[in-house]
C-alpha cells in the first residue's frame, strides 16, 4: 500500500470519527470535561509552583547567594535579659570589628539597627514604615537598584548626615507617585532629606528579614545612633543584625562556621544570635518547591485519571450502541485493526479536544488565582506540553480496551444485534 493510500485511509478514519463524535455532541462534551478540568488543573498547579519558585529565587537573590546574615534574638523579658547579660553582651559593634579583622573571606560588612517610629510626617497612607540604620556598604551587599537619586556615602556616614533612602512602598505611602528626591520627612523629632528611592524589591513574610524591604526608611547607621533612641528597645542588643558579603572565591558554609565560632566565643556560647546562609536557604527553597509542585500536580492528575476512566466508559457504551454498525463494517471487509483504529481515534480526538480546551482553562485558572489570591503564577510552555501530552496519552491508553472489545465482536452476532 502506497503512502498516499495510507494517508487517505487515515483521513477517512478521522473524518468518520469526527462525524460520530459530532452526532453525539452532548455526550462528547461531557466526556471531555474530565480531560478539560484535569489539564487545566495541572497547568494551574504548575503555574503556582513556577510563580512561587521565581518569587523565592528573587528573594534569595536579593539576600545574596554570597551573603551571610547574622541576626540578634531580642530577649523576651527583663529576667531573660539579665540572665543573658551575665554571659553575653549581645550583638555589638565590637563583634563587627572582630569579624572584620579575623574573617579573611569577608568582602563587605554592615551593622544593622532598626526602629519603629512613633511619629512620621508626612503621615503615611498605610502602615508605619520601619527605620533602618545601616552603613553605606549595605547597598552593595543587597544590590540596591534606584528608581530615583542614589544611596548615602561614606561622608554621610562619617558626619551623621540627616539623609535617607526610601523603599518603594514607603515612598508611595508618604509622597504618592510624585518624585520624592529632595523632599523632607520627619521621623519622630528628626527631619531627614530624601536622597534616593529604591526600585521594588521582593518581600517575604518569613525568613531572616521578615520586614517588607519596600516599606523601610534607610539612614546612615551613625545618623541612627546620634539622632534616634528606641524607648521600647531595651530588650534588644546594641545591633539588630550584621549583613556580610563574602569574597567571590569564598565557600559560604565554611565562612559561616568561622563567623559562628567567633560569635560563640565573644558571646560565651549564649544562643542570642543566628547565622543564615542564603545559598543554603536557596537550595532548601528549591527542594521544598519541587516537592510542593510534585504533590500539587499529582493531585491535579487525578482529574485526568477520572477523565480517562470517563472516556473508557463512554466508548464502551458506544461499542454496545454501534454493535450492528461494527458487524456491517466487518461483513463488508473491514479488518479488526480498522475497527480498533476507528474507536481509538475517537478516544484520542476527545482527549485532544479536551486538552486544547484544558489549556485555555488552565490560563484562565492561573489568571484567577493570581488576581484573587494575590499569588504570582507563571504558565510555562513545559507545563502546557506536559499537560497536553498526558491528556493525549490518557485518551490513547483508556481507549485501547474499548477499541479491542469492539474489534473482538463476532460479525454474525453483530448483524443479529438489535
Protein backbone atom coordinates (compact mmCIF):
# COMPACT_ATOMS: atom_id res chain seq x y z
CA UNK A 1 0.00 0.00 0.00
CA UNK A 2 1.41 3.37 -1.04
CA UNK A 3 1.90 6.32 1.27
CA UNK A 4 -0.91 8.23 -0.44
CA UNK A 5 -3.36 5.38 0.16
CA UNK A 6 -2.33 5.21 3.84
CA UNK A 7 -2.91 8.95 4.24
CA UNK A 8 -6.28 8.68 2.52
CA UNK A 9 -7.31 5.84 4.80
CA UNK A 10 -6.32 7.73 7.94
CA UNK A 11 -8.02 10.89 6.68
CA UNK A 12 -11.18 8.87 6.06
CA UNK A 13 -10.99 7.33 9.56
CA UNK A 14 -10.50 10.76 11.17
CA UNK A 15 -13.45 12.19 9.22
CA UNK A 16 -15.63 9.26 10.30
CA UNK A 17 -14.55 9.62 13.93
CA UNK A 18 -15.30 13.34 13.88
CA UNK A 19 -18.71 12.67 12.38
CA UNK A 20 -19.54 10.07 15.03
CA UNK A 21 -18.48 12.42 17.84
CA UNK A 22 -20.46 15.29 16.29
CA UNK A 23 -23.58 13.12 16.19
CA UNK A 24 -23.23 12.71 19.97
CA UNK A 25 -22.23 16.31 20.80
CA UNK A 26 -23.59 16.41 24.35
CA UNK A 27 -22.04 13.08 25.30
CA UNK A 28 -18.71 14.08 23.74
CA UNK A 29 -18.58 17.39 25.63
CA UNK A 30 -19.48 15.77 28.95
CA UNK A 31 -16.84 13.09 28.37
CA UNK A 32 -14.22 15.73 27.57
CA UNK A 33 -14.96 17.73 30.74
CA UNK A 34 -12.79 15.43 32.85
CA UNK A 35 -9.86 16.00 30.49
CA UNK A 36 -10.52 19.76 30.37
CA UNK A 37 -10.55 20.11 34.15
CA UNK A 38 -7.57 17.78 34.53
CA UNK A 39 -5.38 19.61 32.01
CA UNK A 40 -6.46 22.98 33.42
CA UNK A 41 -5.70 21.86 36.98
CA UNK A 42 -2.25 20.54 36.04
CA UNK A 43 -1.37 23.77 34.22
CA UNK A 44 -2.73 25.85 37.11
CA UNK A 45 -0.78 23.92 39.75
CA UNK A 46 2.43 24.07 37.73
CA UNK A 47 1.86 27.81 37.25
CA UNK A 48 1.52 28.27 41.02
CA UNK A 49 4.70 26.28 41.58
CA UNK A 50 6.62 28.22 38.92
CA UNK A 51 5.44 31.54 40.34
CA UNK A 52 6.36 30.57 43.89
CA UNK A 53 9.74 29.31 42.71
CA UNK A 54 10.52 32.58 40.92
CA UNK A 55 9.46 34.67 43.92
CA UNK A 56 11.63 32.53 46.21
CA UNK A 57 14.59 32.82 43.86
CA UNK A 58 14.17 36.59 43.65
CA UNK A 59 14.04 36.86 47.42
CA UNK A 60 17.13 34.69 47.90
CA UNK A 61 18.99 36.58 45.17
CA UNK A 62 18.02 39.80 46.92
CA UNK A 63 19.55 38.47 50.14
CA UNK A 64 22.56 37.48 48.05
CA UNK A 65 23.93 33.99 47.45
CA UNK A 66 27.35 35.25 48.60
CA UNK A 67 25.94 36.81 51.74
CA UNK A 68 25.80 35.77 55.38
CA UNK A 69 23.11 37.28 57.60
CA UNK A 70 23.65 37.49 61.34
CA UNK A 71 20.54 38.36 63.39
CA UNK A 72 20.27 39.01 67.11
CA UNK A 73 17.47 37.46 69.14
CA UNK A 74 15.77 40.04 71.42
CA UNK A 75 15.15 38.95 75.00
CA UNK A 76 11.58 38.08 75.85
CA UNK A 77 11.60 39.59 79.34
CA UNK A 78 13.71 41.56 81.84
CA UNK A 79 14.64 38.32 83.59
CA UNK A 80 15.85 36.72 80.36
CA UNK A 81 17.81 39.87 79.50
CA UNK A 82 19.55 39.89 82.89
CA UNK A 83 20.39 36.21 82.56
CA UNK A 84 21.89 36.76 79.11
CA UNK A 85 23.94 39.77 80.17
CA UNK A 86 25.73 37.69 82.79
CA UNK A 87 27.45 35.87 79.93
CA UNK A 88 26.91 37.79 76.71
CA UNK A 89 26.95 41.50 75.78
CA UNK A 90 24.69 40.68 72.83
CA UNK A 91 25.40 41.60 69.23
CA UNK A 92 27.60 44.72 69.29
CA UNK A 93 29.85 46.82 67.09
CA UNK A 94 32.78 45.10 68.82
CA UNK A 95 31.60 41.87 67.14
CA UNK A 96 31.68 43.66 63.79
CA UNK A 97 35.24 44.83 64.35
CA UNK A 98 36.34 41.34 65.41
CA UNK A 99 34.72 39.72 62.38
CA UNK A 100 36.20 42.31 60.03
CA UNK A 101 39.68 41.70 61.44
CA UNK A 102 39.60 37.90 61.67
CA UNK A 103 37.49 36.54 58.79
CA UNK A 104 39.50 36.80 55.57
CA UNK A 105 36.54 35.70 53.46
CA UNK A 106 34.61 38.90 54.21
CA UNK A 107 34.45 41.40 51.36
CA UNK A 108 31.82 43.81 52.77
CA UNK A 109 30.14 44.07 56.16
CA UNK A 110 27.42 46.34 57.54
CA UNK A 111 25.89 46.50 61.02
CA UNK A 112 22.12 46.96 61.10
CA UNK A 113 19.85 48.65 63.62
CA UNK A 114 16.06 49.11 63.39
CA UNK A 115 13.41 51.28 64.99
CA UNK A 116 9.62 51.51 64.74
CA UNK A 117 8.85 55.27 64.59
CA UNK A 118 6.14 56.70 66.83
CA UNK A 119 5.58 59.73 64.57
CA UNK A 120 6.10 60.33 60.88
CA UNK A 121 5.42 63.32 58.64
CA UNK A 122 4.01 63.30 56.02
CA UNK A 123 1.56 60.90 57.60
CA UNK A 124 1.77 57.55 55.76
CA UNK A 125 -1.32 56.38 53.91
CA UNK A 126 -0.98 52.85 55.29
CA UNK A 127 1.25 51.04 57.83
CA UNK A 128 4.06 52.96 59.52
CA UNK A 129 7.41 52.22 57.76
CA UNK A 130 10.34 50.86 59.79
CA UNK A 131 13.57 52.83 60.16
CA UNK A 132 16.82 51.01 59.38
CA UNK A 133 20.27 52.32 60.24
CA UNK A 134 22.96 50.76 58.05
CA UNK A 135 26.40 51.55 56.69
CA UNK A 136 26.90 52.54 53.00
CA UNK A 137 28.21 49.02 52.24
CA UNK A 138 24.68 47.69 52.86
CA UNK A 139 23.66 48.98 49.41
CA UNK A 140 26.31 46.85 47.66
CA UNK A 141 25.66 43.83 49.88
CA UNK A 142 21.98 43.79 48.87
CA UNK A 143 22.42 45.03 45.29
CA UNK A 144 20.29 48.13 45.61
CA UNK A 145 18.80 49.48 42.39
CA UNK A 146 17.42 53.02 42.36
CA UNK A 147 14.28 54.47 40.81
CA UNK A 148 15.37 57.96 41.93
CA UNK A 149 18.55 59.50 43.28
CA UNK A 150 21.32 57.48 44.91
CA UNK A 151 22.48 55.99 48.21
CA UNK A 152 24.22 57.74 51.10
CA UNK A 153 28.02 57.57 51.07
CA UNK A 154 30.96 57.26 53.46
CA UNK A 155 30.96 61.01 54.10
CA UNK A 156 27.28 60.88 55.12
CA UNK A 157 28.16 58.03 57.50
CA UNK A 158 31.15 59.93 58.90
CA UNK A 159 29.20 63.14 59.56
CA UNK A 160 25.92 61.55 60.66
CA UNK A 161 24.08 63.37 57.85
CA UNK A 162 20.30 63.69 58.13
CA UNK A 163 19.58 61.91 54.85
CA UNK A 164 17.53 58.85 53.96
CA UNK A 165 16.71 56.37 51.21
CA UNK A 166 13.10 55.19 50.84
CA UNK A 167 11.83 51.79 49.86
CA UNK A 168 9.30 51.87 47.03
CA UNK A 169 6.20 51.24 49.17
CA UNK A 170 7.38 53.71 51.84
CA UNK A 171 7.82 56.40 49.19
CA UNK A 172 4.34 55.81 47.74
CA UNK A 173 2.81 55.81 51.23
CA UNK A 174 4.44 59.16 52.07
CA UNK A 175 4.52 61.05 48.74
CA UNK A 176 2.27 59.13 46.37
CA UNK A 177 3.63 58.70 42.86
CA UNK A 178 5.29 62.12 42.61
CA UNK A 179 9.12 62.35 42.71
CA UNK A 180 10.45 62.25 46.29
CA UNK A 181 14.15 63.08 45.90
CA UNK A 182 14.99 66.37 47.61
CA UNK A 183 11.89 66.36 49.80
CA UNK A 184 11.93 66.06 53.59
CA UNK A 185 10.32 63.67 56.07
CA UNK A 186 10.15 63.98 59.84
CA UNK A 187 10.76 60.75 61.77
CA UNK A 188 9.91 61.24 65.45
CA UNK A 189 11.65 64.61 66.09
CA UNK A 190 14.26 64.44 63.31
CA UNK A 191 13.98 65.87 59.78
CA UNK A 192 15.58 63.77 57.04
CA UNK A 193 16.20 64.72 53.40
CA UNK A 194 15.29 62.07 50.82
CA UNK A 195 18.27 61.42 48.55
CA UNK A 196 17.13 58.20 46.88
CA UNK A 197 14.20 55.87 46.22
CA UNK A 198 14.74 52.15 45.63
CA UNK A 199 13.12 50.10 42.91
CA UNK A 200 10.67 47.44 44.06
CA UNK A 201 12.26 44.58 45.99
CA UNK A 202 10.84 41.13 46.59
CA UNK A 203 9.22 40.89 50.01
CA UNK A 204 8.90 37.79 52.16
CA UNK A 205 6.68 37.02 55.07
CA UNK A 206 9.20 34.67 56.58
CA UNK A 207 12.90 34.05 56.79
CA UNK A 208 15.73 36.16 58.08
CA UNK A 209 14.33 39.58 57.26
CA UNK A 210 10.59 39.23 57.62
CA UNK A 211 10.01 43.00 57.28
CA UNK A 212 8.95 44.04 53.79
CA UNK A 213 12.08 45.75 52.36
CA UNK A 214 9.87 48.04 50.30
CA UNK A 215 8.40 49.56 53.49
CA UNK A 216 11.69 50.66 55.02
CA UNK A 217 13.40 54.00 55.50
CA UNK A 218 17.18 53.59 55.38
CA UNK A 219 19.57 56.07 57.04
CA UNK A 220 23.30 56.03 57.84
CA UNK A 221 23.99 54.00 60.98
CA UNK A 222 25.80 56.93 62.60
CA UNK A 223 22.72 59.11 61.99
CA UNK A 224 20.60 56.47 63.67
CA UNK A 225 22.92 56.32 66.67
CA UNK A 226 23.25 60.10 67.10
CA UNK A 227 19.70 61.23 66.39
CA UNK A 228 17.35 58.39 67.44
CA UNK A 229 16.62 56.49 70.62
CA UNK A 230 14.39 53.43 70.79
CA UNK A 231 12.46 53.84 74.05
CA UNK A 232 10.99 50.35 73.85
CA UNK A 233 14.14 48.68 72.59
CA UNK A 234 15.92 47.99 75.86
CA UNK A 235 15.35 44.25 75.42
CA UNK A 236 17.26 44.35 72.14
CA UNK A 237 21.02 44.18 71.59
CA UNK A 238 23.16 47.10 70.51
CA UNK A 239 22.76 45.83 66.94
CA UNK A 240 19.80 44.03 65.38
CA UNK A 241 21.97 42.32 62.82
CA UNK A 242 25.13 42.20 60.73
CA UNK A 243 25.00 41.71 56.96
CA UNK A 244 28.08 40.24 55.29
CA UNK A 245 29.11 39.73 51.67
CA UNK A 246 31.78 37.12 51.09
CA UNK A 247 34.56 37.24 48.54
CA UNK A 248 33.87 35.57 45.20
CA UNK A 249 36.09 32.57 45.92
CA UNK A 250 34.83 32.04 49.50
CA UNK A 251 32.85 28.95 50.50
CA UNK A 252 29.76 30.17 52.32
CA UNK A 253 29.29 27.17 54.62
CA UNK A 254 32.89 27.26 55.85
CA UNK A 255 32.74 31.04 56.32
CA UNK A 256 29.50 30.69 58.29
CA UNK A 257 31.14 28.17 60.61
CA UNK A 258 34.02 30.59 61.24
CA UNK A 259 31.63 33.51 61.91
CA UNK A 260 29.53 31.35 64.23
CA UNK A 261 32.61 30.16 66.14
CA UNK A 262 33.87 33.72 66.65
CA UNK A 263 30.49 34.97 67.85
CA UNK A 264 30.07 31.97 70.14
CA UNK A 265 33.42 32.90 71.66
CA UNK A 266 32.55 36.56 72.22
CA UNK A 267 29.04 35.67 73.44
CA UNK A 268 30.30 32.81 75.63
CA UNK A 269 28.08 30.30 73.80
CA UNK A 270 24.89 32.20 74.63
CA UNK A 271 22.30 31.38 71.90
CA UNK A 272 21.27 35.01 71.33
CA UNK A 273 22.02 35.17 67.59
CA UNK A 274 21.59 33.19 64.39
CA UNK A 275 23.60 32.96 61.18
CA UNK A 276 21.70 32.42 57.94
CA UNK A 277 23.31 31.25 54.69
CA UNK A 278 21.15 32.39 51.74
CA UNK A 279 22.89 29.89 49.43
CA UNK A 280 21.69 27.00 51.63
CA UNK A 281 18.33 28.69 52.01
CA UNK A 282 18.11 28.79 48.22
CA UNK A 283 18.78 25.05 47.94
CA UNK A 284 16.20 24.31 50.64
CA UNK A 285 13.63 26.53 48.93
CA UNK A 286 14.23 24.73 45.64
CA UNK A 287 13.77 21.33 47.29
CA UNK A 288 10.59 22.47 49.02
CA UNK A 289 9.18 23.98 45.83
CA UNK A 290 9.94 20.81 43.88
CA UNK A 291 8.12 18.65 46.43
CA UNK A 292 5.24 21.14 46.53
CA UNK A 293 4.95 21.09 42.73
CA UNK A 294 5.02 17.28 42.57
CA UNK A 295 2.30 16.98 45.20
CA UNK A 296 0.06 19.57 43.55
CA UNK A 297 0.49 18.04 40.10
CA UNK A 298 -0.22 14.56 41.48
CA UNK A 299 -3.47 15.84 42.98
CA UNK A 300 -4.39 17.59 39.73
CA UNK A 301 -3.51 14.47 37.70
CA UNK A 302 -6.30 12.60 39.48
CA UNK A 303 -8.71 14.68 37.39
CA UNK A 304 -7.01 13.40 34.25
CA UNK A 305 -7.29 9.83 35.54
CA UNK A 306 -11.01 10.33 36.19
CA UNK A 307 -11.34 11.84 32.71
CA UNK A 308 -9.63 8.79 31.20
CA UNK A 309 -11.99 6.43 33.02
CA UNK A 310 -14.88 8.52 31.70
CA UNK A 311 -13.60 8.14 28.15
CA UNK A 312 -13.30 4.38 28.55
CA UNK A 313 -16.84 4.07 29.94
CA UNK A 314 -18.36 6.21 27.19
CA UNK A 315 -16.52 4.40 24.39
CA UNK A 316 -17.60 1.04 25.86
CA UNK A 317 -21.19 2.25 25.83
CA UNK A 318 -20.70 3.43 22.25
CA UNK A 319 -19.41 0.00 21.25
CA UNK A 320 -22.64 -1.58 22.53
CA UNK A 321 -24.78 1.00 20.73
CA UNK A 322 -22.90 0.54 17.46
CA UNK A 323 -22.58 -3.24 17.54
CA UNK A 324 -24.69 -3.61 14.36
CA UNK A 325 -22.57 -0.96 12.60
CA UNK A 326 -19.43 -2.89 13.57
CA UNK A 327 -20.95 -6.10 12.15
CA UNK A 328 -21.78 -4.40 8.86
CA UNK A 329 -18.27 -2.99 8.54
CA UNK A 330 -16.74 -6.39 9.31
CA UNK A 331 -19.08 -8.08 6.82
CA UNK A 332 -18.06 -5.62 4.09
CA UNK A 333 -14.36 -6.31 4.50
CA UNK A 334 -13.17 -4.19 7.44
CA UNK A 335 -10.40 -5.81 9.41
CA UNK A 336 -10.05 -5.91 13.19
CA UNK A 337 -7.26 -3.34 13.01
CA UNK A 338 -9.63 -0.99 11.15
CA UNK A 339 -12.21 -1.25 13.94
CA UNK A 340 -9.53 -0.73 16.58
CA UNK A 341 -8.24 2.34 14.74
CA UNK A 342 -11.74 3.82 14.41
CA UNK A 343 -12.61 3.67 18.11
CA UNK A 344 -9.09 4.56 19.22
CA UNK A 345 -9.21 7.66 17.03
CA UNK A 346 -12.45 8.71 18.68
CA UNK A 347 -10.87 8.37 22.14
CA UNK A 348 -7.78 10.31 21.10
CA UNK A 349 -9.86 13.04 19.42
CA UNK A 350 -11.83 13.51 22.64
CA UNK A 351 -8.53 13.82 24.52
CA UNK A 352 -7.05 16.25 22.00
CA UNK A 353 -10.17 18.44 22.04
CA UNK A 354 -10.31 18.30 25.83
CA UNK A 355 -6.57 19.05 26.03
CA UNK A 356 -6.88 22.15 23.84
CA UNK A 357 -9.85 23.43 25.83
CA UNK A 358 -7.99 22.50 29.03
CA UNK A 359 -5.05 24.70 28.05
CA UNK A 360 -7.41 27.67 27.76
CA UNK A 361 -8.98 26.72 31.10
CA UNK A 362 -5.51 26.46 32.64
CA UNK A 363 -4.66 30.01 31.54
CA UNK A 364 -7.97 31.23 32.97
CA UNK A 365 -7.40 29.36 36.23
CA UNK A 366 -3.88 30.78 36.59
CA UNK A 367 -5.17 34.30 35.96
CA UNK A 368 -7.96 33.89 38.53
CA UNK A 369 -5.53 32.57 41.15
CA UNK A 370 -3.16 35.49 40.53
CA UNK A 371 -5.99 38.04 40.82
CA UNK A 372 -7.95 36.62 43.74
CA UNK A 373 -5.17 35.14 45.87
CA UNK A 374 -2.52 37.77 45.03
CA UNK A 375 -0.15 34.92 44.18
CA UNK A 376 2.16 35.19 41.22
CA UNK A 377 1.56 32.46 38.63
CA UNK A 378 3.66 31.64 35.56
CA UNK A 379 2.30 29.42 32.77
CA UNK A 380 5.30 27.82 31.08
CA UNK A 381 5.48 26.07 27.72
CA UNK A 382 6.76 22.98 29.53
CA UNK A 383 3.61 22.81 31.70
CA UNK A 384 1.42 23.10 28.58
CA UNK A 385 3.32 20.34 26.78
CA UNK A 386 3.26 18.06 29.83
CA UNK A 387 -0.47 18.53 30.46
CA UNK A 388 -1.43 18.19 26.80
CA UNK A 389 0.84 15.20 26.27
CA UNK A 390 -0.59 13.41 29.29
CA UNK A 391 -4.16 14.12 28.13
CA UNK A 392 -3.44 12.55 24.72
CA UNK A 393 -1.75 9.59 26.40
CA UNK A 394 -4.79 9.15 28.67
CA UNK A 395 -7.09 9.02 25.64
CA UNK A 396 -4.81 6.51 23.95
CA UNK A 397 -4.39 4.24 27.00
CA UNK A 398 -8.01 4.27 28.10
CA UNK A 399 -9.23 3.89 24.51
CA UNK A 400 -7.31 0.69 23.82
CA UNK A 401 -9.56 -1.67 25.80
CA UNK A 402 -12.88 -0.44 24.30
CA UNK A 403 -11.32 -0.46 20.82
CA UNK A 404 -10.12 -4.06 21.24
CA UNK A 405 -13.51 -5.07 22.62
CA UNK A 406 -15.16 -3.55 19.54
CA UNK A 407 -12.75 -5.41 17.24
CA UNK A 408 -13.49 -8.70 19.02
CA UNK A 409 -17.23 -8.54 18.21
CA UNK A 410 -18.39 -11.55 16.17
CA UNK A 411 -19.63 -10.18 12.81
CA UNK A 412 -22.51 -12.68 12.57
CA UNK A 413 -23.71 -11.97 16.12
CA UNK A 414 -23.28 -8.26 15.48
CA UNK A 415 -25.56 -8.37 12.43
CA UNK A 416 -28.25 -10.04 14.56
CA UNK A 417 -27.87 -7.41 17.31
CA UNK A 418 -30.80 -5.03 17.74
